[in-house]
């Protein structure tokens, strides 16, 4: 089965910041510009879910993306109006081609505004 990266995802972190009136607020800071990242997406099979649960993990979805050094565990991922928390990032044998992200669905943190990489 081919792994075509035909879906679009957004990856961000939530940081404390200040608004224009110098009030504290939560900022959704994307690690990319306004163009979304392309990804291959699939749900874990029942066998994979069972093995993950036996190991104490609750991972539900796998995202395969092009290499990006900014991707790390703990970031949030948006896909089709759902929010996921990245649990692990696997760069196969340290090649800088693809990264496999394992994530679980979570409730998104409330934020006041969003910023993109490269916006001034």
N, C-alpha and C. Protein backbone atom coordinates (compact mmCIF):
# COMPACT_ATOMS: atom_id res chain seq x y z
N UNK A 1 0.84 -1.18 0.00
CA UNK A 1 0.00 0.00 0.00
C UNK A 1 0.89 1.24 0.00
N UNK A 2 0.58 2.16 -0.86
CA UNK A 2 1.41 3.37 -0.96
C UNK A 2 1.03 4.37 0.14
N UNK A 3 2.00 5.16 0.53
CA UNK A 3 1.81 6.16 1.57
C UNK A 3 1.88 7.55 0.95
N UNK A 4 0.82 7.93 0.28
CA UNK A 4 0.77 9.22 -0.39
C UNK A 4 0.39 10.29 0.62
N UNK A 5 1.16 11.35 0.68
CA UNK A 5 0.91 12.45 1.61
C UNK A 5 -0.09 13.42 0.96
N UNK A 6 -1.36 13.06 1.04
CA UNK A 6 -2.39 13.83 0.36
C UNK A 6 -3.34 14.57 1.31
N UNK A 7 -3.08 14.52 2.61
CA UNK A 7 -3.90 15.22 3.59
C UNK A 7 -3.12 16.43 4.11
N UNK A 8 -3.84 17.42 4.62
CA UNK A 8 -3.21 18.62 5.16
C UNK A 8 -3.41 18.67 6.67
N UNK A 9 -2.33 18.96 7.40
CA UNK A 9 -2.39 19.07 8.85
C UNK A 9 -1.76 20.39 9.28
N UNK A 10 -2.13 20.84 10.45
CA UNK A 10 -1.51 22.01 11.07
C UNK A 10 -0.88 21.57 12.39
N UNK A 11 0.31 22.05 12.69
CA UNK A 11 1.01 21.70 13.93
C UNK A 11 1.32 22.98 14.68
N UNK A 12 0.99 23.00 15.97
CA UNK A 12 1.20 24.21 16.75
C UNK A 12 1.51 23.88 18.20
N UNK A 13 1.98 24.91 18.90
CA UNK A 13 2.16 24.82 20.34
C UNK A 13 1.39 25.97 20.97
N UNK A 14 1.00 25.81 22.22
CA UNK A 14 0.30 26.86 22.94
C UNK A 14 1.29 27.50 23.89
N UNK A 15 1.46 28.80 23.74
CA UNK A 15 2.41 29.54 24.58
C UNK A 15 1.70 30.71 25.26
N UNK A 16 2.22 31.07 26.41
CA UNK A 16 1.72 32.25 27.09
C UNK A 16 2.30 33.48 26.40
N UNK A 17 1.49 34.47 26.20
CA UNK A 17 1.95 35.70 25.54
C UNK A 17 1.17 36.89 26.05
N UNK A 18 1.31 37.99 25.35
CA UNK A 18 0.60 39.22 25.72
C UNK A 18 -0.10 39.77 24.48
N UNK A 19 -1.30 40.31 24.70
CA UNK A 19 -2.03 40.91 23.58
C UNK A 19 -1.60 42.37 23.42
N UNK A 20 -2.28 43.10 22.55
CA UNK A 20 -1.90 44.49 22.27
C UNK A 20 -2.10 45.40 23.47
N UNK A 21 -2.93 44.99 24.43
CA UNK A 21 -3.17 45.78 25.64
C UNK A 21 -2.29 45.32 26.80
N UNK A 22 -1.31 44.46 26.51
CA UNK A 22 -0.36 43.92 27.50
C UNK A 22 -1.01 42.99 28.52
N UNK A 23 -2.17 42.41 28.18
CA UNK A 23 -2.81 41.43 29.04
C UNK A 23 -2.27 40.04 28.69
N UNK A 24 -2.17 39.17 29.69
CA UNK A 24 -1.71 37.81 29.43
C UNK A 24 -2.77 37.05 28.64
N UNK A 25 -2.30 36.23 27.70
CA UNK A 25 -3.21 35.43 26.89
C UNK A 25 -2.49 34.18 26.40
N UNK A 26 -3.25 33.20 25.94
CA UNK A 26 -2.67 32.01 25.33
C UNK A 26 -2.61 32.21 23.82
N UNK A 27 -1.45 31.90 23.24
CA UNK A 27 -1.24 32.09 21.81
C UNK A 27 -1.03 30.73 21.15
N UNK A 28 -1.77 30.49 20.09
CA UNK A 28 -1.59 29.28 19.27
C UNK A 28 -0.52 29.61 18.24
N UNK A 29 0.69 29.07 18.41
CA UNK A 29 1.85 29.39 17.55
C UNK A 29 2.14 28.21 16.64
N UNK A 30 1.84 28.37 15.34
CA UNK A 30 2.08 27.30 14.36
C UNK A 30 3.57 27.23 14.05
N UNK A 31 4.08 26.02 13.79
CA UNK A 31 5.50 25.85 13.48
C UNK A 31 5.77 26.00 11.99
N UNK A 32 4.75 26.33 11.22
CA UNK A 32 4.88 26.49 9.77
C UNK A 32 4.18 27.78 9.35
N UNK A 33 4.34 28.15 8.09
CA UNK A 33 3.64 29.33 7.61
C UNK A 33 2.17 28.99 7.36
N UNK A 34 1.46 29.85 6.69
CA UNK A 34 0.02 29.63 6.50
C UNK A 34 -0.31 28.43 5.62
N UNK A 35 0.66 27.91 4.88
CA UNK A 35 0.45 26.68 4.13
C UNK A 35 0.57 25.50 5.08
N UNK A 36 -0.39 24.63 5.06
CA UNK A 36 -0.39 23.48 5.95
C UNK A 36 0.65 22.46 5.52
N UNK A 37 0.98 21.54 6.42
CA UNK A 37 1.91 20.46 6.10
C UNK A 37 1.15 19.31 5.46
N UNK A 38 1.80 18.62 4.53
CA UNK A 38 1.18 17.47 3.89
C UNK A 38 1.52 16.22 4.69
N UNK A 39 0.56 15.29 4.78
CA UNK A 39 0.77 14.10 5.59
C UNK A 39 0.00 12.91 5.04
N UNK A 40 0.56 11.73 5.32
CA UNK A 40 -0.16 10.46 5.13
C UNK A 40 -0.76 10.13 6.49
N UNK A 41 -2.06 9.83 6.55
CA UNK A 41 -2.74 9.63 7.82
C UNK A 41 -3.44 8.27 7.80
N UNK A 42 -3.32 7.56 8.95
CA UNK A 42 -4.07 6.32 9.10
C UNK A 42 -4.35 6.04 10.56
N UNK A 43 -5.46 5.36 10.80
CA UNK A 43 -5.80 4.90 12.14
C UNK A 43 -5.00 3.64 12.43
N UNK A 44 -4.67 3.41 13.69
CA UNK A 44 -4.00 2.17 14.06
C UNK A 44 -4.96 1.00 13.91
N UNK A 45 -4.44 -0.15 13.52
CA UNK A 45 -5.26 -1.35 13.44
C UNK A 45 -5.57 -1.82 14.85
N UNK A 46 -6.53 -2.71 14.99
CA UNK A 46 -6.88 -3.22 16.31
C UNK A 46 -5.70 -3.93 16.96
N UNK A 47 -4.91 -4.63 16.18
CA UNK A 47 -3.72 -5.32 16.71
C UNK A 47 -2.72 -4.29 17.25
N UNK A 48 -2.51 -3.21 16.51
CA UNK A 48 -1.59 -2.16 16.96
C UNK A 48 -2.12 -1.44 18.21
N UNK A 49 -3.44 -1.21 18.24
CA UNK A 49 -4.03 -0.57 19.42
C UNK A 49 -3.87 -1.45 20.65
N UNK A 50 -4.10 -2.75 20.48
CA UNK A 50 -3.96 -3.69 21.59
C UNK A 50 -2.52 -3.72 22.10
N UNK A 51 -1.55 -3.74 21.18
CA UNK A 51 -0.13 -3.76 21.57
C UNK A 51 0.25 -2.45 22.27
N UNK A 52 -0.27 -1.32 21.78
CA UNK A 52 0.03 -0.03 22.42
C UNK A 52 -0.58 0.03 23.81
N UNK A 53 -1.80 -0.49 23.95
CA UNK A 53 -2.46 -0.48 25.26
C UNK A 53 -1.71 -1.36 26.25
N UNK A 54 -1.20 -2.51 25.78
CA UNK A 54 -0.43 -3.40 26.65
C UNK A 54 0.85 -2.71 27.13
N UNK A 55 1.40 -1.83 26.31
CA UNK A 55 2.62 -1.10 26.67
C UNK A 55 2.31 0.17 27.47
N UNK A 56 1.01 0.45 27.70
CA UNK A 56 0.62 1.60 28.50
C UNK A 56 0.42 2.87 27.71
N UNK A 57 0.30 2.78 26.41
CA UNK A 57 0.11 3.97 25.57
C UNK A 57 -1.31 3.97 25.01
N UNK A 58 -1.83 5.16 24.77
CA UNK A 58 -3.17 5.31 24.20
C UNK A 58 -3.08 6.02 22.86
N UNK A 59 -2.32 5.48 21.94
CA UNK A 59 -2.14 6.13 20.65
C UNK A 59 -3.19 5.62 19.68
N UNK A 60 -3.72 6.53 18.87
CA UNK A 60 -4.82 6.13 18.01
C UNK A 60 -4.57 6.39 16.54
N UNK A 61 -3.72 7.35 16.21
CA UNK A 61 -3.55 7.75 14.81
C UNK A 61 -2.08 7.94 14.49
N UNK A 62 -1.72 7.60 13.25
CA UNK A 62 -0.35 7.75 12.77
C UNK A 62 -0.35 8.76 11.64
N UNK A 63 0.55 9.73 11.72
CA UNK A 63 0.74 10.74 10.69
C UNK A 63 2.17 10.61 10.18
N UNK A 64 2.35 10.50 8.88
CA UNK A 64 3.69 10.44 8.30
C UNK A 64 3.90 11.71 7.50
N UNK A 65 4.94 12.48 7.87
CA UNK A 65 5.19 13.78 7.25
C UNK A 65 6.64 13.85 6.78
N UNK A 66 6.92 14.83 5.93
CA UNK A 66 8.31 15.08 5.54
C UNK A 66 9.09 15.56 6.76
N UNK A 67 10.38 15.35 6.73
CA UNK A 67 11.24 15.72 7.86
C UNK A 67 11.13 17.21 8.15
N UNK A 68 10.98 17.53 9.41
CA UNK A 68 10.94 18.91 9.88
C UNK A 68 11.56 18.93 11.28
N UNK A 69 12.68 19.62 11.47
CA UNK A 69 13.35 19.59 12.77
C UNK A 69 12.54 20.22 13.91
N UNK A 70 11.48 20.97 13.59
CA UNK A 70 10.66 21.60 14.62
C UNK A 70 9.64 20.66 15.23
N UNK A 71 9.41 19.51 14.60
CA UNK A 71 8.41 18.58 15.11
C UNK A 71 8.97 17.83 16.31
N UNK A 72 8.17 17.79 17.40
CA UNK A 72 8.57 17.09 18.61
C UNK A 72 7.33 16.65 19.37
N UNK A 73 7.52 15.74 20.30
CA UNK A 73 6.42 15.29 21.14
C UNK A 73 5.93 16.45 21.99
N UNK A 74 4.63 16.48 22.24
CA UNK A 74 4.04 17.54 23.06
C UNK A 74 3.39 18.65 22.27
N UNK A 75 3.60 18.69 20.95
CA UNK A 75 2.94 19.68 20.11
C UNK A 75 1.53 19.20 19.79
N UNK A 76 0.67 20.14 19.41
CA UNK A 76 -0.69 19.81 19.00
C UNK A 76 -0.75 19.72 17.49
N UNK A 77 -1.66 18.89 17.00
CA UNK A 77 -1.81 18.66 15.57
C UNK A 77 -3.28 18.78 15.22
N UNK A 78 -3.61 19.51 14.18
CA UNK A 78 -5.00 19.66 13.72
C UNK A 78 -5.19 18.90 12.41
N UNK A 79 -6.24 18.10 12.37
CA UNK A 79 -6.57 17.36 11.16
C UNK A 79 -8.08 17.19 11.11
N UNK A 80 -8.70 17.72 10.07
CA UNK A 80 -10.15 17.62 9.86
C UNK A 80 -10.97 18.00 11.09
N UNK A 81 -10.73 19.18 11.60
CA UNK A 81 -11.47 19.74 12.73
C UNK A 81 -11.32 18.93 14.02
N UNK A 82 -10.32 18.09 14.10
CA UNK A 82 -9.99 17.36 15.32
C UNK A 82 -8.61 17.79 15.78
N UNK A 83 -8.37 17.76 17.08
CA UNK A 83 -7.07 18.10 17.64
C UNK A 83 -6.44 16.87 18.25
N UNK A 84 -5.17 16.69 17.98
CA UNK A 84 -4.40 15.55 18.48
C UNK A 84 -3.19 16.06 19.24
N UNK A 85 -2.72 15.29 20.19
CA UNK A 85 -1.49 15.58 20.91
C UNK A 85 -0.44 14.59 20.43
N UNK A 86 0.69 15.10 19.93
CA UNK A 86 1.74 14.23 19.43
C UNK A 86 2.42 13.55 20.61
N UNK A 87 2.37 12.22 20.64
CA UNK A 87 2.95 11.44 21.72
C UNK A 87 4.37 11.00 21.43
N UNK A 88 4.67 10.71 20.16
CA UNK A 88 6.04 10.30 19.81
C UNK A 88 6.35 10.69 18.38
N UNK A 89 7.63 10.93 18.14
CA UNK A 89 8.13 11.26 16.81
C UNK A 89 9.22 10.25 16.48
N UNK A 90 9.04 9.53 15.38
CA UNK A 90 10.00 8.50 15.00
C UNK A 90 10.64 8.87 13.67
N UNK A 91 11.93 9.16 13.71
CA UNK A 91 12.70 9.39 12.49
C UNK A 91 13.45 8.11 12.19
N UNK A 92 12.98 7.32 11.28
CA UNK A 92 13.51 5.99 11.02
C UNK A 92 15.02 6.02 10.81
N UNK A 93 15.75 5.42 11.73
CA UNK A 93 17.20 5.27 11.67
C UNK A 93 17.93 6.59 11.38
N UNK A 94 17.39 7.68 11.88
CA UNK A 94 17.99 9.01 11.77
C UNK A 94 18.13 9.52 10.34
N UNK A 95 17.39 8.92 9.40
CA UNK A 95 17.36 9.49 8.06
C UNK A 95 16.52 10.76 8.11
N UNK A 96 16.86 11.72 7.31
CA UNK A 96 16.11 12.98 7.31
C UNK A 96 15.15 13.02 6.13
N UNK A 97 14.30 12.03 6.06
CA UNK A 97 13.30 11.97 4.99
C UNK A 97 11.90 12.14 5.55
N UNK A 98 11.44 11.12 6.23
CA UNK A 98 10.08 11.12 6.78
C UNK A 98 10.13 11.00 8.29
N UNK A 99 9.10 11.55 8.94
CA UNK A 99 8.91 11.37 10.36
C UNK A 99 7.54 10.73 10.57
N UNK A 100 7.47 9.78 11.47
CA UNK A 100 6.21 9.15 11.82
C UNK A 100 5.77 9.70 13.17
N UNK A 101 4.62 10.34 13.18
CA UNK A 101 4.07 10.94 14.40
C UNK A 101 2.95 10.05 14.90
N UNK A 102 3.01 9.67 16.15
CA UNK A 102 1.92 8.92 16.77
C UNK A 102 1.21 9.88 17.72
N UNK A 103 -0.11 9.95 17.58
CA UNK A 103 -0.86 10.96 18.31
C UNK A 103 -2.17 10.40 18.84
N UNK A 104 -2.69 11.07 19.85
CA UNK A 104 -4.01 10.71 20.37
C UNK A 104 -4.91 11.93 20.36
N UNK A 105 -6.19 11.70 20.18
CA UNK A 105 -7.17 12.77 20.09
C UNK A 105 -7.37 13.39 21.47
N UNK A 106 -7.36 14.72 21.53
CA UNK A 106 -7.55 15.45 22.79
C UNK A 106 -8.50 16.62 22.58
N UNK A 107 -8.93 17.20 23.68
CA UNK A 107 -9.71 18.42 23.61
C UNK A 107 -8.73 19.58 23.47
N UNK A 108 -8.93 20.49 22.51
CA UNK A 108 -7.96 21.59 22.31
C UNK A 108 -7.96 22.57 23.48
N UNK A 109 -6.77 23.11 23.76
CA UNK A 109 -6.65 24.15 24.78
C UNK A 109 -7.24 25.44 24.23
N UNK A 110 -7.94 26.21 25.06
CA UNK A 110 -8.46 27.49 24.57
C UNK A 110 -7.32 28.48 24.33
N UNK A 111 -7.41 29.18 23.20
CA UNK A 111 -6.40 30.19 22.87
C UNK A 111 -7.10 31.49 22.48
N UNK A 112 -6.37 32.59 22.62
CA UNK A 112 -6.93 33.90 22.32
C UNK A 112 -6.68 34.34 20.88
N UNK A 113 -5.52 33.98 20.34
CA UNK A 113 -5.25 34.28 18.93
C UNK A 113 -4.16 33.34 18.43
N UNK A 114 -3.93 33.37 17.11
CA UNK A 114 -2.95 32.46 16.52
C UNK A 114 -1.90 33.24 15.74
N UNK A 115 -0.70 32.64 15.69
CA UNK A 115 0.43 33.21 14.94
C UNK A 115 1.01 32.11 14.08
N UNK A 116 1.58 32.54 12.96
CA UNK A 116 2.22 31.60 12.05
C UNK A 116 3.70 31.89 11.95
N UNK A 117 4.49 30.87 11.67
CA UNK A 117 5.93 31.04 11.45
C UNK A 117 6.12 32.01 10.28
N UNK A 118 6.97 32.99 10.46
CA UNK A 118 7.25 33.93 9.38
C UNK A 118 6.38 35.18 9.40
N UNK A 119 5.29 35.19 10.20
CA UNK A 119 4.49 36.41 10.30
C UNK A 119 5.23 37.42 11.16
N UNK A 120 5.17 38.66 10.76
CA UNK A 120 5.86 39.71 11.54
C UNK A 120 4.90 40.40 12.47
